N, C-alpha and C. Protein backbone atom coordinates (compact mmCIF):
# COMPACT_ATOMS: atom_id res chain seq x y z
N MET A 1 -13.76 -27.30 10.66
CA MET A 1 -14.07 -26.00 11.23
C MET A 1 -13.15 -25.72 12.42
N LYS A 2 -12.94 -24.48 12.74
CA LYS A 2 -12.03 -24.14 13.82
C LYS A 2 -12.65 -24.26 15.19
N LEU A 3 -13.97 -24.00 15.31
CA LEU A 3 -14.54 -23.86 16.63
C LEU A 3 -14.75 -25.21 17.28
N PRO A 4 -14.40 -25.33 18.58
CA PRO A 4 -14.52 -26.59 19.28
C PRO A 4 -15.93 -27.16 19.27
N ASN A 5 -16.96 -26.31 19.31
CA ASN A 5 -18.32 -26.84 19.34
C ASN A 5 -18.65 -27.57 18.05
N TYR A 6 -18.13 -27.12 16.92
CA TYR A 6 -18.35 -27.84 15.68
C TYR A 6 -17.62 -29.17 15.68
N ILE A 7 -16.41 -29.19 16.23
CA ILE A 7 -15.66 -30.43 16.32
C ILE A 7 -16.41 -31.43 17.18
N ALA A 8 -16.94 -30.95 18.29
CA ALA A 8 -17.70 -31.82 19.19
C ALA A 8 -18.94 -32.37 18.49
N LEU A 9 -19.62 -31.54 17.73
CA LEU A 9 -20.81 -31.98 17.02
C LEU A 9 -20.48 -33.05 15.99
N LEU A 10 -19.39 -32.83 15.29
CA LEU A 10 -18.99 -33.81 14.28
C LEU A 10 -18.61 -35.13 14.92
N ALA A 11 -17.89 -35.06 16.04
CA ALA A 11 -17.52 -36.29 16.75
C ALA A 11 -18.77 -37.00 17.25
N GLY A 12 -19.71 -36.24 17.76
CA GLY A 12 -20.94 -36.83 18.25
C GLY A 12 -21.73 -37.49 17.15
N ALA A 13 -21.66 -36.94 15.97
CA ALA A 13 -22.38 -37.52 14.84
C ALA A 13 -21.89 -38.92 14.53
N LEU A 14 -20.59 -39.14 14.66
CA LEU A 14 -20.04 -40.46 14.39
C LEU A 14 -20.51 -41.48 15.41
N VAL A 15 -20.74 -41.03 16.64
CA VAL A 15 -21.14 -41.94 17.71
C VAL A 15 -22.64 -42.19 17.69
N MET A 16 -23.43 -41.13 17.46
CA MET A 16 -24.88 -41.23 17.64
C MET A 16 -25.63 -41.51 16.35
N GLY A 17 -24.96 -41.43 15.22
CA GLY A 17 -25.62 -41.83 13.99
C GLY A 17 -26.06 -40.69 13.12
N GLY A 18 -26.90 -41.03 12.12
CA GLY A 18 -27.23 -40.14 11.03
C GLY A 18 -28.03 -38.92 11.41
N ASN A 19 -28.87 -38.98 12.45
CA ASN A 19 -29.71 -37.84 12.79
C ASN A 19 -28.89 -36.63 13.17
N LEU A 20 -27.92 -36.84 14.05
CA LEU A 20 -27.06 -35.73 14.47
C LEU A 20 -26.19 -35.26 13.31
N HIS A 21 -25.74 -36.22 12.50
CA HIS A 21 -24.94 -35.85 11.34
C HIS A 21 -25.75 -34.92 10.43
N SER A 22 -27.01 -35.23 10.24
CA SER A 22 -27.87 -34.39 9.41
C SER A 22 -28.05 -33.01 10.02
N ALA A 23 -28.17 -32.97 11.36
CA ALA A 23 -28.34 -31.70 12.05
C ALA A 23 -27.11 -30.82 11.87
N VAL A 24 -25.92 -31.45 11.99
CA VAL A 24 -24.67 -30.70 11.82
C VAL A 24 -24.57 -30.16 10.39
N ALA A 25 -24.88 -31.02 9.42
CA ALA A 25 -24.80 -30.60 8.02
C ALA A 25 -25.75 -29.45 7.76
N ALA A 26 -26.95 -29.52 8.34
CA ALA A 26 -27.92 -28.45 8.16
C ALA A 26 -27.43 -27.15 8.77
N ASP A 27 -26.81 -27.26 9.97
CA ASP A 27 -26.31 -26.07 10.65
C ASP A 27 -25.21 -25.40 9.83
N LEU A 28 -24.29 -26.23 9.31
CA LEU A 28 -23.20 -25.68 8.50
C LEU A 28 -23.74 -25.07 7.20
N SER A 29 -24.77 -25.71 6.63
CA SER A 29 -25.35 -25.20 5.40
C SER A 29 -26.02 -23.86 5.65
N GLN A 30 -26.72 -23.73 6.77
CA GLN A 30 -27.37 -22.48 7.11
C GLN A 30 -26.34 -21.37 7.34
N THR A 31 -25.23 -21.74 8.00
CA THR A 31 -24.17 -20.76 8.23
C THR A 31 -23.60 -20.28 6.90
N GLU A 32 -23.38 -21.22 5.97
CA GLU A 32 -22.86 -20.88 4.65
C GLU A 32 -23.81 -19.92 3.94
N GLU A 33 -25.10 -20.22 3.97
CA GLU A 33 -26.08 -19.36 3.31
C GLU A 33 -26.17 -17.99 3.97
N ARG A 34 -26.07 -17.97 5.31
CA ARG A 34 -26.25 -16.71 6.05
C ARG A 34 -25.12 -15.73 5.75
N PHE A 35 -23.91 -16.23 5.59
CA PHE A 35 -22.77 -15.34 5.46
C PHE A 35 -22.11 -15.35 4.08
N VAL A 36 -22.79 -15.96 3.12
CA VAL A 36 -22.21 -15.98 1.78
C VAL A 36 -22.10 -14.57 1.22
N TYR A 37 -22.88 -13.62 1.74
CA TYR A 37 -22.78 -12.24 1.25
C TYR A 37 -21.40 -11.65 1.50
N CYS A 38 -20.63 -12.24 2.44
CA CYS A 38 -19.26 -11.76 2.67
C CYS A 38 -18.42 -11.86 1.40
N THR A 39 -18.73 -12.87 0.57
CA THR A 39 -17.94 -13.09 -0.64
C THR A 39 -18.25 -12.05 -1.71
N VAL A 40 -19.36 -11.33 -1.57
CA VAL A 40 -19.69 -10.30 -2.56
C VAL A 40 -18.59 -9.25 -2.61
N CYS A 41 -18.07 -8.86 -1.44
CA CYS A 41 -16.98 -7.89 -1.38
C CYS A 41 -15.62 -8.56 -1.29
N HIS A 42 -15.53 -9.60 -0.44
CA HIS A 42 -14.22 -10.20 -0.14
C HIS A 42 -13.80 -11.26 -1.15
N GLY A 43 -14.64 -11.57 -2.12
CA GLY A 43 -14.26 -12.49 -3.17
C GLY A 43 -14.53 -13.94 -2.81
N SER A 44 -14.51 -14.80 -3.83
CA SER A 44 -14.74 -16.23 -3.61
C SER A 44 -13.69 -16.78 -2.65
N ASN A 45 -14.16 -17.59 -1.71
CA ASN A 45 -13.29 -18.16 -0.68
C ASN A 45 -12.57 -17.08 0.12
N LEU A 46 -13.13 -15.87 0.10
CA LEU A 46 -12.60 -14.74 0.88
C LEU A 46 -11.15 -14.46 0.53
N LYS A 47 -10.85 -14.50 -0.78
CA LYS A 47 -9.48 -14.31 -1.26
C LYS A 47 -9.09 -12.84 -1.36
N GLY A 48 -10.06 -11.93 -1.13
CA GLY A 48 -9.80 -10.50 -1.26
C GLY A 48 -10.20 -9.99 -2.63
N ASN A 49 -10.47 -8.70 -2.70
CA ASN A 49 -10.93 -8.10 -3.95
C ASN A 49 -10.47 -6.66 -4.00
N GLU A 50 -9.49 -6.38 -4.85
CA GLU A 50 -8.95 -5.03 -4.93
C GLU A 50 -9.99 -4.03 -5.44
N ASP A 51 -10.88 -4.49 -6.31
CA ASP A 51 -11.89 -3.59 -6.87
C ASP A 51 -12.80 -3.01 -5.79
N THR A 52 -13.13 -3.82 -4.79
CA THR A 52 -13.98 -3.36 -3.70
C THR A 52 -13.17 -2.90 -2.49
N GLY A 53 -11.85 -3.11 -2.53
CA GLY A 53 -11.00 -2.73 -1.41
C GLY A 53 -11.12 -3.66 -0.23
N ALA A 54 -11.71 -4.83 -0.44
CA ALA A 54 -11.94 -5.78 0.65
C ALA A 54 -10.77 -6.76 0.76
N PRO A 55 -10.20 -6.93 1.95
CA PRO A 55 -8.98 -7.73 2.09
C PRO A 55 -9.24 -9.24 2.03
N ARG A 56 -8.17 -9.96 1.82
CA ARG A 56 -8.20 -11.42 1.98
C ARG A 56 -8.41 -11.72 3.46
N LEU A 57 -9.33 -12.64 3.76
CA LEU A 57 -9.62 -13.00 5.15
C LEU A 57 -9.23 -14.43 5.48
N SER A 58 -9.12 -15.28 4.46
CA SER A 58 -9.02 -16.72 4.69
C SER A 58 -7.75 -17.14 5.43
N HIS A 59 -6.76 -16.26 5.52
CA HIS A 59 -5.51 -16.62 6.20
C HIS A 59 -5.43 -16.04 7.61
N LEU A 60 -6.41 -15.23 7.98
CA LEU A 60 -6.31 -14.51 9.25
C LEU A 60 -6.82 -15.36 10.42
N PRO A 61 -6.14 -15.30 11.56
CA PRO A 61 -6.57 -16.09 12.71
C PRO A 61 -7.85 -15.54 13.33
N GLU A 62 -8.56 -16.42 13.99
CA GLU A 62 -9.86 -16.05 14.56
C GLU A 62 -9.74 -14.90 15.56
N TRP A 63 -8.70 -14.88 16.38
CA TRP A 63 -8.58 -13.84 17.41
C TRP A 63 -8.46 -12.46 16.77
N TYR A 64 -7.75 -12.38 15.65
CA TYR A 64 -7.60 -11.07 15.00
C TYR A 64 -8.90 -10.64 14.33
N LEU A 65 -9.56 -11.57 13.67
CA LEU A 65 -10.85 -11.25 13.06
C LEU A 65 -11.83 -10.75 14.11
N LEU A 66 -11.84 -11.40 15.27
CA LEU A 66 -12.74 -10.98 16.35
C LEU A 66 -12.38 -9.57 16.82
N ASN A 67 -11.08 -9.30 16.97
CA ASN A 67 -10.64 -7.96 17.37
C ASN A 67 -11.14 -6.89 16.41
N GLN A 68 -11.03 -7.16 15.13
CA GLN A 68 -11.40 -6.16 14.13
C GLN A 68 -12.91 -6.00 14.02
N LEU A 69 -13.64 -7.10 14.11
CA LEU A 69 -15.10 -6.98 14.10
C LEU A 69 -15.56 -6.16 15.30
N ASN A 70 -14.94 -6.37 16.44
CA ASN A 70 -15.29 -5.58 17.62
C ASN A 70 -14.88 -4.12 17.46
N ALA A 71 -13.78 -3.88 16.77
CA ALA A 71 -13.37 -2.49 16.52
C ALA A 71 -14.43 -1.76 15.69
N PHE A 72 -14.98 -2.45 14.71
CA PHE A 72 -16.07 -1.86 13.93
C PHE A 72 -17.31 -1.69 14.79
N ARG A 73 -17.62 -2.70 15.60
CA ARG A 73 -18.84 -2.66 16.42
C ARG A 73 -18.78 -1.56 17.48
N HIS A 74 -17.58 -1.29 17.99
CA HIS A 74 -17.42 -0.27 19.04
C HIS A 74 -17.22 1.13 18.45
N GLY A 75 -17.15 1.22 17.13
CA GLY A 75 -16.97 2.53 16.52
C GLY A 75 -15.54 3.04 16.56
N TRP A 76 -14.58 2.13 16.75
CA TRP A 76 -13.17 2.53 16.72
C TRP A 76 -12.65 2.58 15.29
N ARG A 77 -13.31 1.85 14.43
CA ARG A 77 -12.87 1.72 13.05
C ARG A 77 -14.06 1.93 12.13
N GLY A 78 -13.79 2.51 10.96
CA GLY A 78 -14.86 2.72 10.00
C GLY A 78 -15.69 3.94 10.29
N VAL A 79 -15.09 4.96 10.90
CA VAL A 79 -15.84 6.17 11.23
C VAL A 79 -15.38 7.39 10.43
N HIS A 80 -14.15 7.34 9.92
CA HIS A 80 -13.65 8.48 9.16
C HIS A 80 -14.32 8.51 7.79
N MET A 81 -14.76 9.68 7.38
CA MET A 81 -15.52 9.80 6.14
C MET A 81 -14.72 9.40 4.91
N GLN A 82 -13.40 9.45 4.98
CA GLN A 82 -12.59 9.07 3.84
C GLN A 82 -12.25 7.57 3.83
N ASP A 83 -12.61 6.88 4.89
CA ASP A 83 -12.38 5.44 4.95
C ASP A 83 -13.62 4.73 4.40
N GLU A 84 -13.74 4.71 3.09
CA GLU A 84 -14.96 4.20 2.45
C GLU A 84 -15.19 2.73 2.76
N GLY A 85 -14.12 1.92 2.71
CA GLY A 85 -14.27 0.50 2.99
C GLY A 85 -14.69 0.26 4.43
N GLY A 86 -14.10 1.01 5.35
CA GLY A 86 -14.45 0.88 6.76
C GLY A 86 -15.88 1.29 7.04
N ILE A 87 -16.33 2.33 6.37
CA ILE A 87 -17.70 2.80 6.54
C ILE A 87 -18.69 1.75 6.07
N GLU A 88 -18.34 1.03 5.00
CA GLU A 88 -19.22 -0.03 4.51
C GLU A 88 -19.21 -1.23 5.45
N MET A 89 -18.07 -1.50 6.08
CA MET A 89 -17.95 -2.68 6.93
C MET A 89 -18.58 -2.48 8.29
N ARG A 90 -18.56 -1.27 8.81
CA ARG A 90 -19.03 -1.04 10.18
C ARG A 90 -20.47 -1.49 10.41
N PRO A 91 -21.43 -1.10 9.57
CA PRO A 91 -22.80 -1.56 9.83
C PRO A 91 -22.96 -3.07 9.70
N MET A 92 -22.13 -3.71 8.87
CA MET A 92 -22.18 -5.16 8.77
C MET A 92 -21.81 -5.80 10.10
N ALA A 93 -20.76 -5.28 10.72
CA ALA A 93 -20.32 -5.82 12.00
C ALA A 93 -21.31 -5.49 13.11
N GLU A 94 -21.84 -4.28 13.08
CA GLU A 94 -22.77 -3.85 14.12
C GLU A 94 -24.05 -4.67 14.11
N ALA A 95 -24.42 -5.22 12.96
CA ALA A 95 -25.66 -5.98 12.85
C ALA A 95 -25.54 -7.40 13.40
N LEU A 96 -24.32 -7.85 13.69
CA LEU A 96 -24.12 -9.23 14.15
C LEU A 96 -24.48 -9.38 15.62
N SER A 97 -25.27 -10.40 15.93
CA SER A 97 -25.51 -10.77 17.32
C SER A 97 -24.29 -11.55 17.81
N GLU A 98 -24.23 -11.82 19.11
CA GLU A 98 -23.10 -12.58 19.65
C GLU A 98 -23.05 -13.97 19.02
N ASP A 99 -24.19 -14.59 18.82
CA ASP A 99 -24.23 -15.92 18.21
C ASP A 99 -23.78 -15.84 16.76
N GLU A 100 -24.23 -14.82 16.04
CA GLU A 100 -23.83 -14.66 14.64
C GLU A 100 -22.34 -14.35 14.53
N LEU A 101 -21.80 -13.65 15.51
CA LEU A 101 -20.38 -13.33 15.50
C LEU A 101 -19.55 -14.61 15.52
N LYS A 102 -19.95 -15.57 16.36
CA LYS A 102 -19.25 -16.86 16.41
C LYS A 102 -19.38 -17.60 15.08
N LYS A 103 -20.55 -17.53 14.50
CA LYS A 103 -20.78 -18.26 13.26
C LYS A 103 -20.02 -17.66 12.09
N VAL A 104 -19.92 -16.33 12.05
CA VAL A 104 -19.19 -15.74 10.93
C VAL A 104 -17.70 -16.05 11.05
N LEU A 105 -17.19 -16.15 12.27
CA LEU A 105 -15.79 -16.54 12.46
C LEU A 105 -15.58 -17.98 11.99
N ALA A 106 -16.55 -18.84 12.26
CA ALA A 106 -16.46 -20.22 11.79
C ALA A 106 -16.53 -20.27 10.27
N PHE A 107 -17.37 -19.43 9.69
CA PHE A 107 -17.50 -19.38 8.24
C PHE A 107 -16.17 -18.97 7.60
N VAL A 108 -15.56 -17.93 8.12
CA VAL A 108 -14.27 -17.48 7.58
C VAL A 108 -13.22 -18.58 7.76
N GLY A 109 -13.23 -19.22 8.93
CA GLY A 109 -12.24 -20.27 9.20
C GLY A 109 -12.38 -21.48 8.31
N SER A 110 -13.53 -21.64 7.67
CA SER A 110 -13.75 -22.80 6.81
C SER A 110 -13.23 -22.58 5.39
N LYS A 111 -12.77 -21.35 5.10
CA LYS A 111 -12.36 -21.01 3.73
C LYS A 111 -10.84 -21.07 3.57
N ALA A 112 -10.43 -21.34 2.35
CA ALA A 112 -9.00 -21.35 2.01
C ALA A 112 -8.85 -20.73 0.62
N SER A 113 -7.79 -19.96 0.44
CA SER A 113 -7.55 -19.34 -0.87
C SER A 113 -6.05 -19.25 -1.11
N ASP A 114 -5.69 -19.05 -2.37
CA ASP A 114 -4.28 -18.97 -2.74
C ASP A 114 -3.65 -17.68 -2.21
N ILE A 115 -2.36 -17.76 -1.91
CA ILE A 115 -1.63 -16.57 -1.48
C ILE A 115 -1.60 -15.57 -2.63
N PRO A 116 -1.95 -14.32 -2.37
CA PRO A 116 -2.01 -13.33 -3.46
C PRO A 116 -0.63 -13.01 -4.03
N LYS A 117 -0.62 -12.68 -5.31
CA LYS A 117 0.62 -12.30 -5.98
C LYS A 117 0.86 -10.81 -5.83
N ALA A 118 2.12 -10.42 -6.00
CA ALA A 118 2.48 -9.00 -5.90
C ALA A 118 1.83 -8.20 -7.01
N THR A 119 1.42 -6.99 -6.68
CA THR A 119 0.83 -6.10 -7.69
C THR A 119 1.74 -4.92 -8.01
N PHE A 120 2.83 -4.76 -7.26
CA PHE A 120 3.80 -3.72 -7.58
C PHE A 120 5.16 -4.12 -7.02
N SER A 121 6.19 -3.48 -7.47
CA SER A 121 7.55 -3.76 -7.02
C SER A 121 8.14 -2.51 -6.38
N ALA A 122 9.17 -2.70 -5.55
CA ALA A 122 9.81 -1.58 -4.87
C ALA A 122 11.19 -2.03 -4.41
N ASP A 123 11.83 -1.24 -3.57
CA ASP A 123 13.18 -1.50 -3.09
C ASP A 123 13.13 -2.47 -1.92
N LEU A 124 13.39 -3.76 -2.19
CA LEU A 124 13.28 -4.78 -1.15
C LEU A 124 14.34 -4.61 -0.07
N ALA A 125 15.52 -4.19 -0.45
CA ALA A 125 16.60 -4.02 0.53
C ALA A 125 16.22 -2.95 1.55
N HIS A 126 15.70 -1.84 1.04
CA HIS A 126 15.26 -0.78 1.94
C HIS A 126 14.05 -1.23 2.76
N GLY A 127 13.16 -1.97 2.10
CA GLY A 127 11.99 -2.49 2.81
C GLY A 127 12.37 -3.41 3.95
N LYS A 128 13.39 -4.22 3.75
CA LYS A 128 13.86 -5.12 4.80
C LYS A 128 14.37 -4.33 6.00
N GLN A 129 15.10 -3.26 5.73
CA GLN A 129 15.59 -2.41 6.81
C GLN A 129 14.43 -1.80 7.60
N LEU A 130 13.43 -1.32 6.89
CA LEU A 130 12.28 -0.71 7.55
C LEU A 130 11.48 -1.74 8.34
N PHE A 131 11.41 -2.95 7.82
CA PHE A 131 10.60 -3.98 8.46
C PHE A 131 11.18 -4.44 9.79
N ALA A 132 12.45 -4.15 10.05
CA ALA A 132 13.07 -4.56 11.32
C ALA A 132 12.27 -4.04 12.50
N ALA A 133 11.73 -2.84 12.39
CA ALA A 133 10.91 -2.29 13.47
C ALA A 133 9.58 -3.02 13.56
N CYS A 134 9.00 -3.38 12.42
CA CYS A 134 7.72 -4.10 12.38
C CYS A 134 7.86 -5.49 12.99
N ALA A 135 9.03 -6.11 12.77
CA ALA A 135 9.25 -7.49 13.21
C ALA A 135 9.17 -7.63 14.73
N ALA A 136 9.41 -6.55 15.46
CA ALA A 136 9.35 -6.61 16.92
C ALA A 136 7.98 -7.08 17.40
N CYS A 137 6.94 -6.72 16.66
CA CYS A 137 5.58 -7.16 17.02
C CYS A 137 5.06 -8.25 16.10
N HIS A 138 5.28 -8.07 14.80
CA HIS A 138 4.67 -8.98 13.82
C HIS A 138 5.50 -10.21 13.52
N GLY A 139 6.73 -10.28 14.05
CA GLY A 139 7.57 -11.44 13.83
C GLY A 139 8.49 -11.29 12.63
N ALA A 140 9.61 -11.98 12.69
CA ALA A 140 10.62 -11.84 11.64
C ALA A 140 10.11 -12.29 10.28
N SER A 141 9.16 -13.23 10.28
CA SER A 141 8.58 -13.71 9.02
C SER A 141 7.19 -13.13 8.79
N ALA A 142 6.86 -12.09 9.55
CA ALA A 142 5.54 -11.45 9.45
C ALA A 142 4.41 -12.43 9.75
N GLN A 143 4.73 -13.38 10.67
CA GLN A 143 3.77 -14.43 10.99
C GLN A 143 2.74 -14.02 12.02
N GLY A 144 2.93 -12.87 12.67
CA GLY A 144 1.99 -12.39 13.67
C GLY A 144 2.33 -12.86 15.07
N ASN A 145 1.70 -12.21 16.06
CA ASN A 145 1.95 -12.54 17.46
C ASN A 145 0.69 -12.20 18.26
N GLN A 146 -0.05 -13.22 18.65
CA GLN A 146 -1.30 -13.00 19.35
C GLN A 146 -1.10 -12.27 20.68
N ALA A 147 0.00 -12.59 21.38
CA ALA A 147 0.26 -11.97 22.68
C ALA A 147 0.36 -10.45 22.58
N LEU A 148 0.79 -9.97 21.40
CA LEU A 148 0.92 -8.53 21.19
C LEU A 148 -0.21 -7.98 20.32
N ASN A 149 -1.20 -8.81 20.04
CA ASN A 149 -2.32 -8.42 19.18
C ASN A 149 -1.85 -7.95 17.81
N ALA A 150 -0.74 -8.52 17.36
CA ALA A 150 -0.17 -8.16 16.06
C ALA A 150 -0.53 -9.25 15.05
N PRO A 151 -1.30 -8.94 14.04
CA PRO A 151 -1.75 -9.97 13.10
C PRO A 151 -0.65 -10.41 12.15
N PRO A 152 -0.83 -11.57 11.52
CA PRO A 152 0.10 -11.95 10.45
C PRO A 152 -0.05 -10.99 9.29
N LEU A 153 1.07 -10.58 8.74
CA LEU A 153 1.06 -9.71 7.56
C LEU A 153 1.34 -10.51 6.30
N ALA A 154 2.17 -11.53 6.43
CA ALA A 154 2.43 -12.41 5.30
C ALA A 154 1.12 -13.08 4.91
N GLY A 155 0.88 -13.14 3.62
CA GLY A 155 -0.37 -13.73 3.14
C GLY A 155 -1.42 -12.70 2.81
N SER A 156 -1.17 -11.45 3.19
CA SER A 156 -2.11 -10.37 2.86
C SER A 156 -1.76 -9.78 1.49
N SER A 157 -2.73 -9.22 0.84
CA SER A 157 -2.48 -8.57 -0.45
C SER A 157 -1.66 -7.30 -0.24
N ASP A 158 -0.68 -7.08 -1.12
CA ASP A 158 0.18 -5.90 -0.95
C ASP A 158 -0.60 -4.60 -1.08
N TRP A 159 -1.59 -4.57 -1.99
CA TRP A 159 -2.38 -3.34 -2.16
C TRP A 159 -3.15 -3.02 -0.88
N TYR A 160 -3.60 -4.05 -0.17
CA TYR A 160 -4.36 -3.80 1.06
C TYR A 160 -3.44 -3.33 2.18
N LEU A 161 -2.27 -3.95 2.32
CA LEU A 161 -1.32 -3.50 3.33
C LEU A 161 -0.93 -2.05 3.10
N LYS A 162 -0.68 -1.71 1.85
CA LYS A 162 -0.32 -0.31 1.54
C LYS A 162 -1.45 0.63 1.91
N ARG A 163 -2.66 0.27 1.56
CA ARG A 163 -3.81 1.13 1.84
C ARG A 163 -3.98 1.36 3.33
N GLN A 164 -3.81 0.30 4.11
CA GLN A 164 -4.00 0.44 5.56
C GLN A 164 -2.87 1.25 6.20
N LEU A 165 -1.65 1.04 5.74
CA LEU A 165 -0.55 1.85 6.28
C LEU A 165 -0.76 3.33 5.96
N MET A 166 -1.22 3.62 4.76
CA MET A 166 -1.51 5.01 4.40
C MET A 166 -2.67 5.56 5.23
N HIS A 167 -3.65 4.71 5.52
CA HIS A 167 -4.76 5.15 6.38
C HIS A 167 -4.27 5.48 7.79
N PHE A 168 -3.39 4.66 8.31
CA PHE A 168 -2.82 4.95 9.64
C PHE A 168 -2.04 6.27 9.59
N LYS A 169 -1.24 6.46 8.54
CA LYS A 169 -0.44 7.69 8.42
C LYS A 169 -1.33 8.93 8.32
N GLN A 170 -2.45 8.77 7.63
CA GLN A 170 -3.33 9.92 7.37
C GLN A 170 -4.37 10.13 8.47
N GLY A 171 -4.38 9.25 9.49
CA GLY A 171 -5.34 9.40 10.58
C GLY A 171 -6.72 8.87 10.26
N LEU A 172 -6.86 8.10 9.19
CA LEU A 172 -8.15 7.53 8.84
C LEU A 172 -8.45 6.29 9.68
N ARG A 173 -7.41 5.75 10.28
CA ARG A 173 -7.55 4.55 11.11
C ARG A 173 -6.62 4.69 12.31
N GLY A 174 -7.04 4.17 13.47
CA GLY A 174 -6.21 4.21 14.67
C GLY A 174 -6.24 5.53 15.39
N ASP A 175 -7.29 6.32 15.16
CA ASP A 175 -7.36 7.66 15.73
C ASP A 175 -8.19 7.72 17.02
N ASP A 176 -8.91 6.64 17.34
CA ASP A 176 -9.75 6.62 18.53
C ASP A 176 -8.90 6.29 19.75
N GLY A 177 -9.05 7.06 20.81
CA GLY A 177 -8.23 6.86 22.01
C GLY A 177 -8.43 5.51 22.65
N ALA A 178 -9.60 4.89 22.44
CA ALA A 178 -9.88 3.58 23.03
C ALA A 178 -9.27 2.44 22.22
N ASP A 179 -8.83 2.73 21.01
CA ASP A 179 -8.27 1.71 20.12
C ASP A 179 -6.76 1.65 20.34
N MET A 180 -6.34 0.94 21.38
CA MET A 180 -4.92 0.91 21.74
C MET A 180 -4.05 0.30 20.64
N ASN A 181 -4.53 -0.78 20.04
CA ASN A 181 -3.76 -1.41 18.98
C ASN A 181 -3.65 -0.49 17.77
N GLY A 182 -4.76 0.17 17.45
CA GLY A 182 -4.74 1.11 16.33
C GLY A 182 -3.84 2.29 16.61
N ASN A 183 -3.83 2.77 17.85
CA ASN A 183 -2.95 3.87 18.22
C ASN A 183 -1.49 3.49 18.02
N THR A 184 -1.15 2.25 18.41
CA THR A 184 0.22 1.78 18.25
C THR A 184 0.61 1.73 16.78
N MET A 185 -0.30 1.22 15.96
CA MET A 185 0.01 1.12 14.54
C MET A 185 0.09 2.50 13.88
N ARG A 186 -0.73 3.42 14.33
CA ARG A 186 -0.67 4.77 13.75
C ARG A 186 0.69 5.40 14.04
N ALA A 187 1.17 5.22 15.27
CA ALA A 187 2.48 5.76 15.62
C ALA A 187 3.59 5.09 14.81
N SER A 188 3.46 3.78 14.59
CA SER A 188 4.48 3.05 13.82
C SER A 188 4.47 3.49 12.36
N ALA A 189 3.28 3.66 11.80
CA ALA A 189 3.18 4.07 10.40
C ALA A 189 3.74 5.47 10.19
N ALA A 190 3.63 6.30 11.21
CA ALA A 190 4.13 7.66 11.11
C ALA A 190 5.64 7.70 10.93
N LEU A 191 6.33 6.62 11.32
CA LEU A 191 7.78 6.55 11.17
C LEU A 191 8.21 6.30 9.73
N LEU A 192 7.28 5.88 8.89
CA LEU A 192 7.58 5.68 7.47
C LEU A 192 7.53 7.06 6.80
N ALA A 193 8.64 7.44 6.22
CA ALA A 193 8.81 8.83 5.79
C ALA A 193 7.81 9.28 4.74
N ASP A 194 7.50 8.40 3.78
CA ASP A 194 6.65 8.81 2.67
C ASP A 194 6.04 7.58 2.02
N GLU A 195 5.31 7.79 0.94
CA GLU A 195 4.64 6.69 0.26
C GLU A 195 5.64 5.68 -0.30
N GLN A 196 6.81 6.16 -0.74
CA GLN A 196 7.82 5.25 -1.25
C GLN A 196 8.29 4.30 -0.15
N ALA A 197 8.45 4.80 1.06
CA ALA A 197 8.84 3.94 2.18
C ALA A 197 7.77 2.91 2.45
N VAL A 198 6.51 3.31 2.35
CA VAL A 198 5.41 2.37 2.51
C VAL A 198 5.49 1.29 1.45
N ASP A 199 5.70 1.69 0.21
CA ASP A 199 5.83 0.71 -0.88
C ASP A 199 6.97 -0.26 -0.61
N ASP A 200 8.09 0.24 -0.14
CA ASP A 200 9.26 -0.60 0.08
C ASP A 200 8.99 -1.65 1.15
N VAL A 201 8.43 -1.24 2.28
CA VAL A 201 8.21 -2.20 3.36
C VAL A 201 7.12 -3.20 2.99
N VAL A 202 6.11 -2.74 2.28
CA VAL A 202 5.04 -3.67 1.85
C VAL A 202 5.58 -4.68 0.83
N ALA A 203 6.40 -4.20 -0.10
CA ALA A 203 6.98 -5.12 -1.08
C ALA A 203 7.84 -6.18 -0.40
N TYR A 204 8.56 -5.78 0.65
CA TYR A 204 9.36 -6.75 1.39
C TYR A 204 8.46 -7.78 2.08
N ILE A 205 7.38 -7.32 2.70
CA ILE A 205 6.44 -8.24 3.35
C ILE A 205 5.88 -9.22 2.31
N GLN A 206 5.54 -8.70 1.14
CA GLN A 206 5.03 -9.56 0.07
C GLN A 206 6.05 -10.61 -0.31
N SER A 207 7.33 -10.26 -0.29
CA SER A 207 8.37 -11.22 -0.67
C SER A 207 8.46 -12.37 0.33
N LEU A 208 7.98 -12.17 1.56
CA LEU A 208 8.03 -13.22 2.57
C LEU A 208 7.02 -14.33 2.29
N ASN A 209 6.08 -14.06 1.40
CA ASN A 209 5.10 -15.09 1.04
C ASN A 209 5.75 -16.27 0.35
């Protein structure tokens, strides 16, 4: 597990014996049962599901997941009537207590899934040119940059990246004045001339996988 408290519990179990080990196992089991509903939309091992529009989560760092859950909880995301996936996700995030928020992050961090395959092709050379602007925040390999609150893009499904870039362009996401990161992304997406440009840059990001 990613969270230090789980690591400490596991280490303590080795020192103190079976009782604590059983307590840790029970806690992890309860966490698994509590948040298994995430897989209904996000797929087994949180690999993503194009049919439900739910992204792959298993590769995302904890800090970014926390940022996005808070964006839903604060009403910065999932408020536009045309953002159907966001509207479904917002009440899920709003229902989490602070303790549950930590546990759901641990649950996501415990999962692993295969890197998704490309679902469409486009002009990679043009996409590489367009991605030069994205690399300033997201890194040359689309690995992400926590200092800039820029998530990793490599490892994400191409259909989901395209959908979110189109949402930024159309004002379905990043429109709240308090959402500084979303505002930045909306301005960046606006620089992509059309849907073909979106396809090209997303296809290039997919090639980095």
